[in-house]
PDB file of N, CA and C in Angstrom:
ATOM      1  N   MET A   1     -12.726  53.041 -11.201  1.00  0.00           N
ATOM      2  CA  MET A   1     -12.512  51.646 -10.885  1.00  0.00           C
ATOM      3  C   MET A   1     -12.286  50.884 -12.185  1.00  0.00           C
ATOM      4  N   GLU A   2     -11.284  50.012 -12.136  1.00  0.00           N
ATOM      5  CA  GLU A   2     -10.948  49.261 -13.335  1.00  0.00           C
ATOM      6  C   GLU A   2     -11.649  47.911 -13.320  1.00  0.00           C
ATOM      7  N   THR A   3     -12.184  47.513 -14.451  1.00  0.00           N
ATOM      8  CA  THR A   3     -12.807  46.206 -14.608  1.00  0.00           C
ATOM      9  C   THR A   3     -12.414  45.652 -15.966  1.00  0.00           C
ATOM     10  N   PHE A   4     -12.728  44.381 -16.177  1.00  0.00           N
ATOM     11  CA  PHE A   4     -12.426  43.779 -17.472  1.00  0.00           C
ATOM     12  C   PHE A   4     -13.223  44.444 -18.589  1.00  0.00           C
ATOM     13  N   PHE A   5     -14.398  44.940 -18.249  1.00  0.00           N
ATOM     14  CA  PHE A   5     -15.270  45.495 -19.267  1.00  0.00           C
ATOM     15  C   PHE A   5     -15.031  46.985 -19.474  1.00  0.00           C
ATOM     16  N   ASN A   6     -14.179  47.534 -18.678  1.00  0.00           N
ATOM     17  CA  ASN A   6     -13.889  48.956 -18.779  1.00  0.00           C
ATOM     18  C   ASN A   6     -12.661  49.136 -19.655  1.00  0.00           C
ATOM     19  N   SER A   7     -12.680  50.057 -20.515  1.00  0.00           N
ATOM     20  CA  SER A   7     -11.581  50.296 -21.446  1.00  0.00           C
ATOM     21  C   SER A   7     -10.333  50.804 -20.749  1.00  0.00           C
ATOM     22  N   LYS A   8     -10.426  51.166 -19.460  1.00  0.00           N
ATOM     23  CA  LYS A   8      -9.273  51.679 -18.732  1.00  0.00           C
ATOM     24  C   LYS A   8      -8.289  50.574 -18.328  1.00  0.00           C
ATOM     25  N   VAL A   9      -8.699  49.317 -18.429  1.00  0.00           N
ATOM     26  CA  VAL A   9      -7.807  48.223 -18.090  1.00  0.00           C
ATOM     27  C   VAL A   9      -6.788  48.083 -19.201  1.00  0.00           C
ATOM     28  N   SER A  10      -5.525  48.124 -18.833  1.00  0.00           N
ATOM     29  CA  SER A  10      -4.488  48.048 -19.857  1.00  0.00           C
ATOM     30  C   SER A  10      -4.355  46.609 -20.344  1.00  0.00           C
ATOM     31  N   THR A  11      -3.861  46.500 -21.534  1.00  0.00           N
ATOM     32  CA  THR A  11      -3.655  45.191 -22.137  1.00  0.00           C
ATOM     33  C   THR A  11      -2.644  44.386 -21.325  1.00  0.00           C
ATOM     34  N   THR A  12      -1.646  45.047 -20.781  1.00  0.00           N
ATOM     35  CA  THR A  12      -0.627  44.377 -19.975  1.00  0.00           C
ATOM     36  C   THR A  12      -1.235  43.781 -18.718  1.00  0.00           C
ATOM     37  N   LYS A  13      -2.094  44.540 -18.044  1.00  0.00           N
ATOM     38  CA  LYS A  13      -2.738  44.033 -16.833  1.00  0.00           C
ATOM     39  C   LYS A  13      -3.646  42.852 -17.162  1.00  0.00           C
ATOM     40  N   LEU A  14      -4.370  42.964 -18.241  1.00  0.00           N
ATOM     41  CA  LEU A  14      -5.269  41.898 -18.654  1.00  0.00           C
ATOM     42  C   LEU A  14      -4.481  40.632 -18.986  1.00  0.00           C
ATOM     43  N   LEU A  15      -3.401  40.786 -19.710  1.00  0.00           N
ATOM     44  CA  LEU A  15      -2.561  39.649 -20.056  1.00  0.00           C
ATOM     45  C   LEU A  15      -1.945  39.023 -18.801  1.00  0.00           C
ATOM     46  N   THR A  16      -1.532  39.855 -17.870  1.00  0.00           N
ATOM     47  CA  THR A  16      -0.971  39.371 -16.608  1.00  0.00           C
ATOM     48  C   THR A  16      -2.012  38.583 -15.822  1.00  0.00           C
ATOM     49  N   LEU A  17      -3.231  39.081 -15.752  1.00  0.00           N
ATOM     50  CA  LEU A  17      -4.299  38.372 -15.050  1.00  0.00           C
ATOM     51  C   LEU A  17      -4.622  37.034 -15.713  1.00  0.00           C
ATOM     52  N   ILE A  18      -4.636  37.015 -17.042  1.00  0.00           N
ATOM     53  CA  ILE A  18      -4.928  35.774 -17.764  1.00  0.00           C
ATOM     54  C   ILE A  18      -3.819  34.754 -17.522  1.00  0.00           C
ATOM     55  N   LEU A  19      -2.564  35.184 -17.592  1.00  0.00           N
ATOM     56  CA  LEU A  19      -1.448  34.275 -17.351  1.00  0.00           C
ATOM     57  C   LEU A  19      -1.450  33.754 -15.919  1.00  0.00           C
ATOM     58  N   TYR A  20      -1.767  34.622 -14.969  1.00  0.00           N
ATOM     59  CA  TYR A  20      -1.853  34.215 -13.570  1.00  0.00           C
ATOM     60  C   TYR A  20      -2.959  33.168 -13.390  1.00  0.00           C
ATOM     61  N   TYR A  21      -4.095  33.397 -14.005  1.00  0.00           N
ATOM     62  CA  TYR A  21      -5.218  32.462 -13.937  1.00  0.00           C
ATOM     63  C   TYR A  21      -4.821  31.106 -14.520  1.00  0.00           C
ATOM     64  N   LEU A  22      -4.162  31.120 -15.683  1.00  0.00           N
ATOM     65  CA  LEU A  22      -3.747  29.869 -16.307  1.00  0.00           C
ATOM     66  C   LEU A  22      -2.702  29.139 -15.463  1.00  0.00           C
ATOM     67  N   ALA A  23      -1.794  29.889 -14.846  1.00  0.00           N
ATOM     68  CA  ALA A  23      -0.782  29.273 -13.991  1.00  0.00           C
ATOM     69  C   ALA A  23      -1.438  28.616 -12.776  1.00  0.00           C
ATOM     70  N   MET A  24      -2.398  29.280 -12.166  1.00  0.00           N
ATOM     71  CA  MET A  24      -3.099  28.707 -11.012  1.00  0.00           C
ATOM     72  C   MET A  24      -3.901  27.482 -11.426  1.00  0.00           C
ATOM     73  N   LYS A  25      -4.447  27.517 -12.624  1.00  0.00           N
ATOM     74  CA  LYS A  25      -5.203  26.386 -13.124  1.00  0.00           C
ATOM     75  C   LYS A  25      -4.279  25.182 -13.312  1.00  0.00           C
ATOM     76  N   LYS A  26      -3.059  25.422 -13.812  1.00  0.00           N
ATOM     77  CA  LYS A  26      -2.092  24.339 -13.988  1.00  0.00           C
ATOM     78  C   LYS A  26      -1.648  23.783 -12.632  1.00  0.00           C
ATOM     79  N   VAL A  27      -1.462  24.658 -11.656  1.00  0.00           N
ATOM     80  CA  VAL A  27      -1.067  24.209 -10.326  1.00  0.00           C
ATOM     81  C   VAL A  27      -2.174  23.349  -9.717  1.00  0.00           C
ATOM     82  N   ALA A  28      -3.403  23.793  -9.858  1.00  0.00           N
ATOM     83  CA  ALA A  28      -4.531  23.020  -9.328  1.00  0.00           C
ATOM     84  C   ALA A  28      -4.635  21.667 -10.031  1.00  0.00           C
ATOM     85  N   TYR A  29      -4.443  21.648 -11.329  1.00  0.00           N
ATOM     86  CA  TYR A  29      -4.479  20.401 -12.094  1.00  0.00           C
ATOM     87  C   TYR A  29      -3.359  19.477 -11.643  1.00  0.00           C
ATOM     88  N   PHE A  30      -2.149  20.017 -11.494  1.00  0.00           N
ATOM     89  CA  PHE A  30      -1.004  19.230 -11.058  1.00  0.00           C
ATOM     90  C   PHE A  30      -1.245  18.626  -9.673  1.00  0.00           C
ATOM     91  N   LEU A  31      -1.772  19.422  -8.745  1.00  0.00           N
ATOM     92  CA  LEU A  31      -2.032  18.926  -7.393  1.00  0.00           C
ATOM     93  C   LEU A  31      -3.104  17.837  -7.394  1.00  0.00           C
ATOM     94  N   THR A  32      -4.093  17.979  -8.240  1.00  0.00           N
ATOM     95  CA  THR A  32      -5.138  16.965  -8.355  1.00  0.00           C
ATOM     96  C   THR A  32      -4.567  15.657  -8.882  1.00  0.00           C
ATOM     97  N   VAL A  33      -3.767  15.745  -9.942  1.00  0.00           N
ATOM     98  CA  VAL A  33      -3.153  14.545 -10.516  1.00  0.00           C
ATOM     99  C   VAL A  33      -2.209  13.893  -9.502  1.00  0.00           C
ATOM    100  N   LEU A  34      -1.422  14.699  -8.810  1.00  0.00           N
ATOM    101  CA  LEU A  34      -0.505  14.176  -7.802  1.00  0.00           C
ATOM    102  C   LEU A  34      -1.255  13.449  -6.688  1.00  0.00           C
ATOM    103  N   SER A  35      -2.384  13.995  -6.254  1.00  0.00           N
ATOM    104  CA  SER A  35      -3.185  13.357  -5.205  1.00  0.00           C
ATOM    105  C   SER A  35      -3.736  12.016  -5.667  1.00  0.00           C
ATOM    106  N   VAL A  36      -4.247  11.968  -6.873  1.00  0.00           N
ATOM    107  CA  VAL A  36      -4.818  10.725  -7.399  1.00  0.00           C
ATOM    108  C   VAL A  36      -3.726   9.664  -7.542  1.00  0.00           C
ATOM    109  N   VAL A  37      -2.577  10.053  -8.076  1.00  0.00           N
ATOM    110  CA  VAL A  37      -1.480   9.102  -8.256  1.00  0.00           C
ATOM    111  C   VAL A  37      -0.999   8.576  -6.911  1.00  0.00           C
ATOM    112  N   SER A  38      -0.877   9.449  -5.928  1.00  0.00           N
ATOM    113  CA  SER A  38      -0.406   8.996  -4.617  1.00  0.00           C
ATOM    114  C   SER A  38      -1.413   8.067  -3.956  1.00  0.00           C
ATOM    115  N   LEU A  39      -2.693   8.280  -4.171  1.00  0.00           N
ATOM    116  CA  LEU A  39      -3.705   7.379  -3.610  1.00  0.00           C
ATOM    117  C   LEU A  39      -3.677   6.010  -4.284  1.00  0.00           C
ATOM    118  N   LEU A  40      -3.421   5.993  -5.588  1.00  0.00           N
ATOM    119  CA  LEU A  40      -3.426   4.736  -6.318  1.00  0.00           C
ATOM    120  C   LEU A  40      -2.164   3.911  -6.115  1.00  0.00           C
ATOM    121  N   TYR A  41      -1.029   4.584  -5.977  1.00  0.00           N
ATOM    122  CA  TYR A  41       0.235   3.868  -5.961  1.00  0.00           C
ATOM    123  C   TYR A  41       0.952   3.870  -4.621  1.00  0.00           C
ATOM    124  N   CYS A  42       0.324   4.331  -3.574  1.00  0.00           N
ATOM    125  CA  CYS A  42       0.979   4.324  -2.268  1.00  0.00           C
ATOM    126  C   CYS A  42       1.038   2.899  -1.738  1.00  0.00           C
ATOM    127  N   LYS A  43       1.979   2.666  -0.843  1.00  0.00           N
ATOM    128  CA  LYS A  43       2.099   1.346  -0.234  1.00  0.00           C
ATOM    129  C   LYS A  43       0.844   1.034   0.557  1.00  0.00           C
ATOM    130  N   LYS A  44       0.509  -0.231   0.522  1.00  0.00           N
ATOM    131  CA  LYS A  44      -0.674  -0.641   1.278  1.00  0.00           C
ATOM    132  C   LYS A  44      -0.393  -0.552   2.771  1.00  0.00           C
ATOM    133  N   ASP A  45      -1.436  -0.335   3.536  1.00  0.00           N
ATOM    134  CA  ASP A  45      -1.290  -0.244   4.982  1.00  0.00           C
ATOM    135  C   ASP A  45      -0.816  -1.578   5.548  1.00  0.00           C
ATOM    136  N   SER A  46      -0.085  -1.468   6.630  1.00  0.00           N
ATOM    137  CA  SER A  46       0.331  -2.694   7.303  1.00  0.00           C
ATOM    138  C   SER A  46      -0.794  -3.145   8.228  1.00  0.00           C
ATOM    139  N   HIS A  47      -0.855  -4.426   8.451  1.00  0.00           N
ATOM    140  CA  HIS A  47      -1.888  -5.021   9.288  1.00  0.00           C
ATOM    141  C   HIS A  47      -1.220  -5.737  10.454  1.00  0.00           C
ATOM    142  N   ALA A  48      -1.841  -5.753  11.598  1.00  0.00           N
ATOM    143  CA  ALA A  48      -1.353  -6.522  12.743  1.00  0.00           C
ATOM    144  C   ALA A  48      -2.447  -7.509  13.134  1.00  0.00           C
ATOM    145  N   THR A  49      -2.064  -8.773  13.287  1.00  0.00           N
ATOM    146  CA  THR A  49      -3.054  -9.787  13.609  1.00  0.00           C
ATOM    147  C   THR A  49      -2.370 -11.023  14.192  1.00  0.00           C
ATOM    148  N   GLU A  50      -3.152 -11.831  14.844  1.00  0.00           N
ATOM    149  CA  GLU A  50      -2.666 -13.126  15.314  1.00  0.00           C
ATOM    150  C   GLU A  50      -2.792 -14.119  14.176  1.00  0.00           C
ATOM    151  N   ALA A  51      -1.831 -15.046  14.127  1.00  0.00           N
ATOM    152  CA  ALA A  51      -1.833 -16.059  13.073  1.00  0.00           C
ATOM    153  C   ALA A  51      -1.265 -17.353  13.646  1.00  0.00           C
ATOM    154  N   VAL A  52      -1.431 -18.421  12.883  1.00  0.00           N
ATOM    155  CA  VAL A  52      -0.897 -19.727  13.259  1.00  0.00           C
ATOM    156  C   VAL A  52      -0.012 -20.198  12.107  1.00  0.00           C
ATOM    157  N   LEU A  53       1.201 -20.642  12.438  1.00  0.00           N
ATOM    158  CA  LEU A  53       2.107 -21.187  11.423  1.00  0.00           C
ATOM    159  C   LEU A  53       1.597 -22.538  10.952  1.00  0.00           C
ATOM    160  N   LYS A  54       1.555 -22.723   9.644  1.00  0.00           N
ATOM    161  CA  LYS A  54       1.129 -24.007   9.060  1.00  0.00           C
ATOM    162  C   LYS A  54       2.193 -24.452   8.063  1.00  0.00           C
ATOM    163  N   ASN A  55       2.586 -25.710   8.171  1.00  0.00           N
ATOM    164  CA  ASN A  55       3.579 -26.261   7.262  1.00  0.00           C
ATOM    165  C   ASN A  55       2.860 -26.982   6.135  1.00  0.00           C
ATOM    166  N   LEU A  56       2.868 -26.391   4.952  1.00  0.00           N
ATOM    167  CA  LEU A  56       2.216 -26.993   3.783  1.00  0.00           C
ATOM    168  C   LEU A  56       3.256 -27.507   2.791  1.00  0.00           C
ATOM    169  N   THR A  57       4.388 -27.969   3.310  1.00  0.00           N
ATOM    170  CA  THR A  57       5.484 -28.411   2.450  1.00  0.00           C
ATOM    171  C   THR A  57       5.064 -29.556   1.530  1.00  0.00           C
ATOM    172  N   GLY A  58       4.123 -30.372   1.932  1.00  0.00           N
ATOM    173  CA  GLY A  58       3.685 -31.495   1.103  1.00  0.00           C
ATOM    174  C   GLY A  58       2.956 -31.079  -0.167  1.00  0.00           C
ATOM    175  N   LEU A  59       2.412 -29.886  -0.200  1.00  0.00           N
ATOM    176  CA  LEU A  59       1.698 -29.418  -1.392  1.00  0.00           C
ATOM    177  C   LEU A  59       2.691 -28.853  -2.404  1.00  0.00           C
ATOM    178  N   ASP A  60       2.341 -28.892  -3.678  1.00  0.00           N
ATOM    179  CA  ASP A  60       3.232 -28.379  -4.718  1.00  0.00           C
ATOM    180  C   ASP A  60       3.633 -26.932  -4.454  1.00  0.00           C
ATOM    181  N   ALA A  61       4.934 -26.708  -4.440  1.00  0.00           N
ATOM    182  CA  ALA A  61       5.540 -25.373  -4.330  1.00  0.00           C
ATOM    183  C   ALA A  61       5.141 -24.634  -3.055  1.00  0.00           C
ATOM    184  N   CYS A  62       4.699 -25.349  -2.054  1.00  0.00           N
ATOM    185  CA  CYS A  62       4.304 -24.697  -0.807  1.00  0.00           C
ATOM    186  C   CYS A  62       5.366 -24.898   0.258  1.00  0.00           C
ATOM    187  N   GLY A  63       5.302 -24.064   1.261  1.00  0.00           N
ATOM    188  CA  GLY A  63       6.174 -24.153   2.419  1.00  0.00           C
ATOM    189  C   GLY A  63       5.379 -23.720   3.627  1.00  0.00           C
ATOM    190  N   TRP A  64       5.957 -22.827   4.412  1.00  0.00           N
ATOM    191  CA  TRP A  64       5.269 -22.306   5.592  1.00  0.00           C
ATOM    192  C   TRP A  64       4.310 -21.197   5.189  1.00  0.00           C
ATOM    193  N   VAL A  65       3.094 -21.270   5.703  1.00  0.00           N
ATOM    194  CA  VAL A  65       2.099 -20.224   5.493  1.00  0.00           C
ATOM    195  C   VAL A  65       1.550 -19.815   6.861  1.00  0.00           C
ATOM    196  N   LEU A  66       0.860 -18.718   6.873  1.00  0.00           N
ATOM    197  CA  LEU A  66       0.243 -18.214   8.099  1.00  0.00           C
ATOM    198  C   LEU A  66      -1.265 -18.279   7.945  1.00  0.00           C
ATOM    199  N   GLU A  67      -1.921 -18.909   8.897  1.00  0.00           N
ATOM    200  CA  GLU A  67      -3.379 -19.000   8.874  1.00  0.00           C
ATOM    201  C   GLU A  67      -3.931 -17.943   9.824  1.00  0.00           C
ATOM    202  N   ILE A  68      -4.814 -17.104   9.297  1.00  0.00           N
ATOM    203  CA  ILE A  68      -5.458 -16.083  10.120  1.00  0.00           C
ATOM    204  C   ILE A  68      -6.930 -16.441  10.273  1.00  0.00           C
ATOM    205  N   LYS A  69      -7.699 -15.534  10.882  1.00  0.00           N
ATOM    206  CA  LYS A  69      -9.116 -15.834  11.146  1.00  0.00           C
ATOM    207  C   LYS A  69      -9.847 -16.266   9.882  1.00  0.00           C
ATOM    208  N   ASP A  70     -10.915 -16.982  10.054  1.00  0.00           N
ATOM    209  CA  ASP A  70     -11.756 -17.511   8.977  1.00  0.00           C
ATOM    210  C   ASP A  70     -11.002 -18.480   8.067  1.00  0.00           C
ATOM    211  N   ASN A  71      -9.947 -19.126   8.605  1.00  0.00           N
ATOM    212  CA  ASN A  71      -9.143 -20.095   7.848  1.00  0.00           C
ATOM    213  C   ASN A  71      -8.529 -19.520   6.574  1.00  0.00           C
ATOM    214  N   LYS A  72      -8.277 -18.232   6.560  1.00  0.00           N
ATOM    215  CA  LYS A  72      -7.599 -17.608   5.420  1.00  0.00           C
ATOM    216  C   LYS A  72      -6.098 -17.774   5.610  1.00  0.00           C
ATOM    217  N   HIS A  73      -5.392 -17.915   4.491  1.00  0.00           N
ATOM    218  CA  HIS A  73      -3.954 -18.130   4.536  1.00  0.00           C
ATOM    219  C   HIS A  73      -3.211 -16.952   3.904  1.00  0.00           C
ATOM    220  N   LEU A  74      -2.035 -16.680   4.465  1.00  0.00           N
ATOM    221  CA  LEU A  74      -1.129 -15.668   3.939  1.00  0.00           C
ATOM    222  C   LEU A  74       0.192 -16.356   3.632  1.00  0.00           C
ATOM    223  N   GLU A  75       0.801 -15.971   2.530  1.00  0.00           N
ATOM    224  CA  GLU A  75       2.075 -16.564   2.140  1.00  0.00           C
ATOM    225  C   GLU A  75       3.194 -15.548   2.355  1.00  0.00           C
ATOM    226  N   PRO A  76       3.967 -15.709   3.448  1.00  0.00           N
ATOM    227  CA  PRO A  76       5.044 -14.757   3.714  1.00  0.00           C
ATOM    228  C   PRO A  76       6.226 -14.969   2.772  1.00  0.00           C
ATOM    229  N   GLU A  77       6.727 -13.871   2.206  1.00  0.00           N
ATOM    230  CA  GLU A  77       7.872 -13.943   1.302  1.00  0.00           C
ATOM    231  C   GLU A  77       9.193 -13.930   2.072  1.00  0.00           C
ATOM    232  N   ASN A  78       9.181 -13.434   3.294  1.00  0.00           N
ATOM    233  CA  ASN A  78      10.433 -13.221   4.019  1.00  0.00           C
ATOM    234  C   ASN A  78      10.409 -13.833   5.423  1.00  0.00           C
ATOM    235  N   LEU A  79       9.804 -14.984   5.567  1.00  0.00           N
ATOM    236  CA  LEU A  79       9.726 -15.643   6.876  1.00  0.00           C
ATOM    237  C   LEU A  79      11.123 -15.951   7.427  1.00  0.00           C
ATOM    238  N   SER A  80      12.051 -16.248   6.544  1.00  0.00           N
ATOM    239  CA  SER A  80      13.409 -16.589   6.980  1.00  0.00           C
ATOM    240  C   SER A  80      14.174 -15.381   7.534  1.00  0.00           C
ATOM    241  N   ASP A  81      13.663 -14.184   7.349  1.00  0.00           N
ATOM    242  CA  ASP A  81      14.303 -12.986   7.903  1.00  0.00           C
ATOM    243  C   ASP A  81      14.148 -12.908   9.423  1.00  0.00           C
ATOM    244  N   PHE A  82      13.264 -13.709   9.983  1.00  0.00           N
ATOM    245  CA  PHE A  82      12.971 -13.657  11.414  1.00  0.00           C
ATOM    246  C   PHE A  82      13.504 -14.911  12.090  1.00  0.00           C
ATOM    247  N   ASN A  83      14.110 -14.697  13.230  1.00  0.00           N
ATOM    248  CA  ASN A  83      14.684 -15.804  13.988  1.00  0.00           C
ATOM    249  C   ASN A  83      13.619 -16.373  14.922  1.00  0.00           C
ATOM    250  N   ALA A  84      12.650 -17.017  14.319  1.00  0.00           N
ATOM    251  CA  ALA A  84      11.549 -17.592  15.093  1.00  0.00           C
ATOM    252  C   ALA A  84      11.518 -19.097  14.842  1.00  0.00           C
ATOM    253  N   PRO A  85      11.238 -19.887  15.880  1.00  0.00           N
ATOM    254  CA  PRO A  85      11.148 -21.336  15.672  1.00  0.00           C
ATOM    255  C   PRO A  85       9.923 -21.661  14.815  1.00  0.00           C
ATOM    256  N   LEU A  86      10.162 -22.437  13.767  1.00  0.00           N
ATOM    257  CA  LEU A  86       9.061 -22.812  12.878  1.00  0.00           C
ATOM    258  C   LEU A  86       8.485 -24.136  13.357  1.00  0.00           C
ATOM    259  N   LYS A  87       7.341 -24.049  13.991  1.00  0.00           N
ATOM    260  CA  LYS A  87       6.675 -25.227  14.542  1.00  0.00           C
ATOM    261  C   LYS A  87       5.225 -25.195  14.067  1.00  0.00           C
ATOM    262  N   ASP A  88       4.785 -26.280  13.462  1.00  0.00           N
ATOM    263  CA  ASP A  88       3.414 -26.342  12.961  1.00  0.00           C
ATOM    264  C   ASP A  88       2.443 -26.114  14.114  1.00  0.00           C
ATOM    265  N   GLY A  89       1.523 -25.176  13.930  1.00  0.00           N
ATOM    266  CA  GLY A  89       0.534 -24.859  14.948  1.00  0.00           C
ATOM    267  C   GLY A  89       0.964 -23.763  15.912  1.00  0.00           C
ATOM    268  N   GLN A  90       2.184 -23.235  15.738  1.00  0.00           N
ATOM    269  CA  GLN A  90       2.691 -22.174  16.615  1.00  0.00           C
ATOM    270  C   GLN A  90       1.909 -20.879  16.391  1.00  0.00           C
ATOM    271  N   LYS A  91       1.408 -20.288  17.484  1.00  0.00           N
ATOM    272  CA  LYS A  91       0.707 -19.013  17.386  1.00  0.00           C
ATOM    273  C   LYS A  91       1.733 -17.877  17.353  1.00  0.00           C
ATOM    274  N   VAL A  92       1.493 -16.921  16.462  1.00  0.00           N
ATOM    275  CA  VAL A  92       2.390 -15.778  16.317  1.00  0.00           C
ATOM    276  C   VAL A  92       1.560 -14.504  16.155  1.00  0.00           C
ATOM    277  N   LEU A  93       2.178 -13.407  16.469  1.00  0.00           N
ATOM    278  CA  LEU A  93       1.591 -12.099  16.199  1.00  0.00           C
ATOM    279  C   LEU A  93       2.409 -11.500  15.076  1.00  0.00           C
ATOM    280  N   ILE A  94       1.728 -11.081  14.015  1.00  0.00           N
ATOM    281  CA  ILE A  94       2.437 -10.557  12.852  1.00  0.00           C
ATOM    282  C   ILE A  94       1.928  -9.171  12.486  1.00  0.00           C
ATOM    283  N   ARG A  95       2.817  -8.420  11.886  1.00  0.00           N
ATOM    284  CA  ARG A  95       2.466  -7.162  11.237  1.00  0.00           C
ATOM    285  C   ARG A  95       3.015  -7.298   9.832  1.00  0.00           C
ATOM    286  N   TYR A  96       2.204  -6.987   8.844  1.00  0.00           N
ATOM    287  CA  TYR A  96       2.599  -7.268   7.465  1.00  0.00           C
ATOM    288  C   TYR A  96       2.001  -6.267   6.487  1.00  0.00           C
ATOM    289  N   GLN A  97       2.545  -6.328   5.279  1.00  0.00           N
ATOM    290  CA  GLN A  97       1.992  -5.581   4.150  1.00  0.00           C
ATOM    291  C   GLN A  97       1.724  -6.590   3.040  1.00  0.00           C
ATOM    292  N   THR A  98       0.595  -6.443   2.388  1.00  0.00           N
ATOM    293  CA  THR A  98       0.330  -7.304   1.240  1.00  0.00           C
ATOM    294  C   THR A  98       1.207  -6.848   0.083  1.00  0.00           C
ATOM    295  N   THR A  99       1.533  -7.780  -0.794  1.00  0.00           N
ATOM    296  CA  THR A  99       2.330  -7.460  -1.969  1.00  0.00           C
ATOM    297  C   THR A  99       1.528  -7.818  -3.215  1.00  0.00           C
ATOM    298  N   ASP A 100       2.015  -7.375  -4.335  1.00  0.00           N
ATOM    299  CA  ASP A 100       1.360  -7.683  -5.610  1.00  0.00           C
ATOM    300  C   ASP A 100       2.050  -8.844  -6.322  1.00  0.00           C
ATOM    301  N   ASN A 101       2.964  -9.506  -5.638  1.00  0.00           N
ATOM    302  CA  ASN A 101       3.715 -10.601  -6.254  1.00  0.00           C
ATOM    303  C   ASN A 101       2.847 -11.840  -6.384  1.00  0.00           C
ATOM    304  N   GLY A 102       3.156 -12.619  -7.374  1.00  0.00           N
ATOM    305  CA  GLY A 102       2.429 -13.858  -7.608  1.00  0.00           C
ATOM    306  C   GLY A 102       2.833 -14.921  -6.603  1.00  0.00           C
ATOM    307  N   SER A 103       2.050 -15.984  -6.555  1.00  0.00           N
ATOM    308  CA  SER A 103       2.285 -17.062  -5.591  1.00  0.00           C
ATOM    309  C   SER A 103       2.441 -18.382  -6.332  1.00  0.00           C
ATOM    310  N   TYR A 104       3.384 -19.186  -5.872  1.00  0.00           N
ATOM    311  CA  TYR A 104       3.523 -20.535  -6.419  1.00  0.00           C
ATOM    312  C   TYR A 104       2.560 -21.487  -5.725  1.00  0.00           C
ATOM    313  N   CYS A 105       2.382 -21.323  -4.435  1.00  0.00           N
ATOM    314  CA  CYS A 105       1.529 -22.197  -3.629  1.00  0.00           C
ATOM    315  C   CYS A 105       0.042 -21.934  -3.896  1.00  0.00           C
ATOM    316  N   MET A 106      -0.305 -20.687  -4.049  1.00  0.00           N
ATOM    317  CA  MET A 106      -1.658 -20.249  -4.403  1.00  0.00           C
ATOM    318  C   MET A 106      -2.729 -20.610  -3.373  1.00  0.00           C
ATOM    319  N   VAL A 107      -2.370 -20.487  -2.081  1.00  0.00           N
ATOM    320  CA  VAL A 107      -3.380 -20.693  -1.039  1.00  0.00           C
ATOM    321  C   VAL A 107      -3.844 -19.370  -0.443  1.00  0.00           C
ATOM    322  N   GLY A 108      -3.178 -18.286  -0.802  1.00  0.00           N
ATOM    323  CA  GLY A 108      -3.541 -16.973  -0.280  1.00  0.00           C
ATOM    324  C   GLY A 108      -2.637 -15.898  -0.855  1.00  0.00           C
ATOM    325  N   PRO A 109      -2.883 -14.651  -0.481  1.00  0.00           N
ATOM    326  CA  PRO A 109      -2.066 -13.554  -0.987  1.00  0.00           C
ATOM    327  C   PRO A 109      -0.651 -13.597  -0.395  1.00  0.00           C
ATOM    328  N   THR A 110       0.304 -13.097  -1.159  1.00  0.00           N
ATOM    329  CA  THR A 110       1.669 -13.009  -0.659  1.00  0.00           C
ATOM    330  C   THR A 110       1.807 -11.747   0.189  1.00  0.00           C
ATOM    331  N   ILE A 111       2.649 -11.859   1.231  1.00  0.00           N
ATOM    332  CA  ILE A 111       2.834 -10.733   2.144  1.00  0.00           C
ATOM    333  C   ILE A 111       4.313 -10.547   2.444  1.00  0.00           C
ATOM    334  N   LYS A 112       4.634  -9.352   2.878  1.00  0.00           N
ATOM    335  CA  LYS A 112       5.962  -9.055   3.412  1.00  0.00           C
ATOM    336  C   LYS A 112       5.783  -8.855   4.906  1.00  0.00           C
ATOM    337  N   LEU A 113       6.436  -9.699   5.694  1.00  0.00           N
ATOM    338  CA  LEU A 113       6.359  -9.570   7.151  1.00  0.00           C
ATOM    339  C   LEU A 113       7.192  -8.381   7.608  1.00  0.00           C
ATOM    340  N   LEU A 114       6.595  -7.547   8.440  1.00  0.00           N
ATOM    341  CA  LEU A 114       7.300  -6.420   9.036  1.00  0.00           C
ATOM    342  C   LEU A 114       7.718  -6.752  10.461  1.00  0.00           C
ATOM    343  N   GLU A 115       6.942  -7.627  11.098  1.00  0.00           N
ATOM    344  CA  GLU A 115       7.206  -8.016  12.487  1.00  0.00           C
ATOM    345  C   GLU A 115       6.596  -9.393  12.705  1.00  0.00           C
ATOM    346  N   LEU A 116       7.286 -10.195  13.500  1.00  0.00           N
ATOM    347  CA  LEU A 116       6.782 -11.513  13.859  1.00  0.00           C
ATOM    348  C   LEU A 116       7.202 -11.799  15.296  1.00  0.00           C
ATOM    349  N   ARG A 117       6.222 -12.064  16.143  1.00  0.00           N
ATOM    350  CA  ARG A 117       6.487 -12.413  17.549  1.00  0.00           C
ATOM    351  C   ARG A 117       5.798 -13.708  17.890  1.00  0.00           C
ATOM    352  N   VAL A 118       6.544 -14.612  18.501  1.00  0.00           N
ATOM    353  CA  VAL A 118       5.988 -15.906  18.913  1.00  0.00           C
ATOM    354  C   VAL A 118       5.135 -15.687  20.155  1.00  0.00           C
ATOM    355  N   LEU A 119       3.945 -16.263  20.155  1.00  0.00           N
ATOM    356  CA  LEU A 119       3.039 -16.185  21.296  1.00  0.00           C
ATOM    357  C   LEU A 119       3.055 -17.516  22.039  1.00  0.00           C
ATOM    358  N   GLN A 120       2.701 -17.478  23.307  1.00  0.00           N
ATOM    359  CA  GLN A 120       2.604 -18.694  24.097  1.00  0.00           C
ATOM    360  C   GLN A 120       1.358 -19.463  23.667  1.00  0.00           C
ATOM    361  N   ASN A 121       1.508 -20.755  23.440  1.00  0.00           N
ATOM    362  CA  ASN A 121       0.350 -21.573  23.038  1.00  0.00           C
ATOM    363  C   ASN A 121      -0.556 -21.877  24.187  1.00  0.00           C
TER     364      ASN A 121
END
């Protein structure tokens, strides 16, 4: 029986085993790094929630925002992409993703709307 400690193991076999071990170690390292990077930089999950349209045009650099539960506000970047009537106090159902973009209005985080449906008041 051949073992690492037995002199019958050829140098070629030993070198092959060491190279194989190092290659597997690199693959494991690469997969670990890839997993961490994908967790850190993946797109944020989309959220679905009811909201109320609020017109904050009177405030500096503000326009239409969405008010969700607990009086929190969301600033949609692409509200004009949807053919929805903009009426202050209109209830809507939205699905969105948060973005890392800055806000001029600064009443809440900026979002990208994925879906917007007008609800009956």
